Amino acid sequence: MKLNTLLAFMNILLGCCARILSNATYLTATALVTNAQNHSALECWEFTSPLNTSSSAGTSGAATFNFVNVEEAEYTVIPPRFDGGTHNAPAPQ
């Protein structure tokens, strides 16, 4: 399945979560998949790369995931009441 399809599933299903294993946290996603007979099923996928800790202004300390074969794509987990510090907008508003 293509990465952009997976990203769409992550946003649509809101089934994203994180799992902690051996002092590392891994991103998991619920995916809607279809086989050749057009039967659909839900699957739980786990990425093999662990989450990192952001050092970027505004998200410092949050969990981030960098997609391997995609430029400029990053998934950041921002918990409720998160204070990432003072920062400027990333682009003119």
C-alpha atoms as a PDB file:
ATOM      1  CA  MET A   1       0.000   0.000   0.000  1.00  0.00           C
ATOM      2  CA  LYS A   2       1.366   3.447  -0.863  1.00  0.00           C
ATOM      3  CA  LEU A   3       2.451   5.840   1.871  1.00  0.00           C
ATOM      4  CA  ASN A   4       0.058   8.620   0.809  1.00  0.00           C
ATOM      5  CA  THR A   5      -2.823   6.140   1.062  1.00  0.00           C
ATOM      6  CA  LEU A   6      -1.692   5.206   4.535  1.00  0.00           C
ATOM      7  CA  LEU A   7      -1.568   8.875   5.556  1.00  0.00           C
ATOM      8  CA  ALA A   8      -5.129   9.327   4.314  1.00  0.00           C
ATOM      9  CA  PHE A   9      -6.266   6.319   6.347  1.00  0.00           C
ATOM     10  CA  MET A  10      -4.562   7.700   9.437  1.00  0.00           C
ATOM     11  CA  ASN A  11      -6.451  10.982   9.101  1.00  0.00           C
ATOM     12  CA  ILE A  12      -9.795   9.443   8.149  1.00  0.00           C
ATOM     13  CA  LEU A  13      -9.977   6.665  10.707  1.00  0.00           C
ATOM     14  CA  LEU A  14      -8.264   8.570  13.527  1.00  0.00           C
ATOM     15  CA  GLY A  15      -6.955   5.215  14.621  1.00  0.00           C
ATOM     16  CA  CYS A  16      -3.449   6.419  15.303  1.00  0.00           C
ATOM     17  CA  CYS A  17      -1.837   5.684  18.578  1.00  0.00           C
ATOM     18  CA  ALA A  18       1.580   4.899  19.959  1.00  0.00           C
ATOM     19  CA  ARG A  19       2.883   1.709  21.537  1.00  0.00           C
ATOM     20  CA  ILE A  20       5.814   1.498  23.913  1.00  0.00           C
ATOM     21  CA  LEU A  21       8.189  -1.435  23.533  1.00  0.00           C
ATOM     22  CA  SER A  22      11.676  -1.844  24.995  1.00  0.00           C
ATOM     23  CA  ASN A  23      12.024   1.848  25.948  1.00  0.00           C
ATOM     24  CA  ALA A  24      11.028   2.908  22.420  1.00  0.00           C
ATOM     25  CA  THR A  25       7.639   4.149  21.222  1.00  0.00           C
ATOM     26  CA  TYR A  26       6.296   3.038  17.838  1.00  0.00           C
ATOM     27  CA  LEU A  27       3.529   4.588  15.768  1.00  0.00           C
ATOM     28  CA  THR A  28       0.610   2.298  14.973  1.00  0.00           C
ATOM     29  CA  ALA A  29      -2.266   2.963  12.569  1.00  0.00           C
ATOM     30  CA  THR A  30      -5.599   1.361  11.806  1.00  0.00           C
ATOM     31  CA  ALA A  31      -5.837   0.808   8.047  1.00  0.00           C
ATOM     32  CA  LEU A  32      -8.794  -0.041   5.841  1.00  0.00           C
ATOM     33  CA  VAL A  33      -7.560  -2.543   3.240  1.00  0.00           C
ATOM     34  CA  THR A  34      -9.265  -4.201   0.267  1.00  0.00           C
ATOM     35  CA  ASN A  35      -8.237  -7.458  -1.407  1.00  0.00           C
ATOM     36  CA  ALA A  36      -8.579  -8.502  -5.072  1.00  0.00           C
ATOM     37  CA  GLN A  37     -12.129  -9.785  -4.449  1.00  0.00           C
ATOM     38  CA  ASN A  38     -13.122  -6.304  -3.197  1.00  0.00           C
ATOM     39  CA  HIS A  39     -13.538  -7.459   0.421  1.00  0.00           C
ATOM     40  CA  SER A  40     -12.562  -4.858   2.994  1.00  0.00           C
ATOM     41  CA  ALA A  41     -11.015  -5.360   6.407  1.00  0.00           C
ATOM     42  CA  LEU A  42      -9.437  -3.305   9.175  1.00  0.00           C
ATOM     43  CA  GLU A  43      -5.796  -4.021   9.992  1.00  0.00           C
ATOM     44  CA  CYS A  44      -3.527  -2.667  12.695  1.00  0.00           C
ATOM     45  CA  TRP A  45      -0.155  -1.629  11.288  1.00  0.00           C
ATOM     46  CA  GLU A  46       2.970  -0.715  13.219  1.00  0.00           C
ATOM     47  CA  PHE A  47       5.867   1.251  11.732  1.00  0.00           C
ATOM     48  CA  THR A  48       9.327  -0.241  12.280  1.00  0.00           C
ATOM     49  CA  SER A  49      11.015   3.101  13.067  1.00  0.00           C
ATOM     50  CA  PRO A  50      10.488   4.442  16.598  1.00  0.00           C
ATOM     51  CA  LEU A  51       9.085   7.882  17.376  1.00  0.00           C
ATOM     52  CA  ASN A  52      11.611  10.670  18.029  1.00  0.00           C
ATOM     53  CA  THR A  53      11.443  13.671  20.359  1.00  0.00           C
ATOM     54  CA  SER A  54      11.055  16.993  18.564  1.00  0.00           C
ATOM     55  CA  SER A  55      13.467  19.850  19.155  1.00  0.00           C
ATOM     56  CA  SER A  56      11.689  22.230  16.740  1.00  0.00           C
ATOM     57  CA  ALA A  57      10.285  25.487  18.102  1.00  0.00           C
ATOM     58  CA  GLY A  58       6.612  25.105  18.991  1.00  0.00           C
ATOM     59  CA  THR A  59       6.719  21.319  19.179  1.00  0.00           C
ATOM     60  CA  SER A  60       9.788  20.869  21.374  1.00  0.00           C
ATOM     61  CA  GLY A  61       9.405  17.739  23.490  1.00  0.00           C
ATOM     62  CA  ALA A  62       6.543  16.250  21.429  1.00  0.00           C
ATOM     63  CA  ALA A  63       6.752  12.819  19.798  1.00  0.00           C
ATOM     64  CA  THR A  64       7.475  12.943  16.051  1.00  0.00           C
ATOM     65  CA  PHE A  65       7.691  10.391  13.269  1.00  0.00           C
ATOM     66  CA  ASN A  66       9.646  10.983  10.048  1.00  0.00           C
ATOM     67  CA  PHE A  67       8.404   9.047   7.034  1.00  0.00           C
ATOM     68  CA  VAL A  68      11.355   7.325   5.356  1.00  0.00           C
ATOM     69  CA  ASN A  69      10.735   7.721   1.608  1.00  0.00           C
ATOM     70  CA  VAL A  70       9.017  11.107   1.706  1.00  0.00           C
ATOM     71  CA  GLU A  71      10.585  14.548   1.782  1.00  0.00           C
ATOM     72  CA  GLU A  72       9.196  17.138   4.175  1.00  0.00           C
ATOM     73  CA  ALA A  73       6.669  14.802   5.814  1.00  0.00           C
ATOM     74  CA  GLU A  74       6.561  14.483   9.569  1.00  0.00           C
ATOM     75  CA  TYR A  75       3.822  13.286  11.924  1.00  0.00           C
ATOM     76  CA  THR A  76       3.812  15.026  15.312  1.00  0.00           C
ATOM     77  CA  VAL A  77       1.837  13.830  18.344  1.00  0.00           C
ATOM     78  CA  ILE A  78       0.722  16.875  20.355  1.00  0.00           C
ATOM     79  CA  PRO A  79      -0.924  15.868  23.668  1.00  0.00           C
ATOM     80  CA  PRO A  80      -3.663  17.988  25.322  1.00  0.00           C
ATOM     81  CA  ARG A  81      -2.520  21.170  27.090  1.00  0.00           C
ATOM     82  CA  PHE A  82       0.901  20.878  25.427  1.00  0.00           C
ATOM     83  CA  ASP A  83       3.279  23.817  25.842  1.00  0.00           C
ATOM     84  CA  GLY A  84       5.933  23.684  23.139  1.00  0.00           C
ATOM     85  CA  GLY A  85       7.351  27.063  24.101  1.00  0.00           C
ATOM     86  CA  THR A  86       7.191  30.453  22.440  1.00  0.00           C
ATOM     87  CA  HIS A  87       7.630  30.365  18.676  1.00  0.00           C
ATOM     88  CA  ASN A  88       6.873  32.162  15.427  1.00  0.00           C
ATOM     89  CA  ALA A  89       4.497  30.906  12.759  1.00  0.00           C
ATOM     90  CA  PRO A  90       6.255  28.631  10.222  1.00  0.00           C
ATOM     91  CA  ALA A  91       5.031  30.748   7.283  1.00  0.00           C
ATOM     92  CA  PRO A  92       3.531  34.227   6.759  1.00  0.00           C
ATOM     93  CA  GLN A  93      -0.118  34.236   7.853  1.00  0.00           C
END
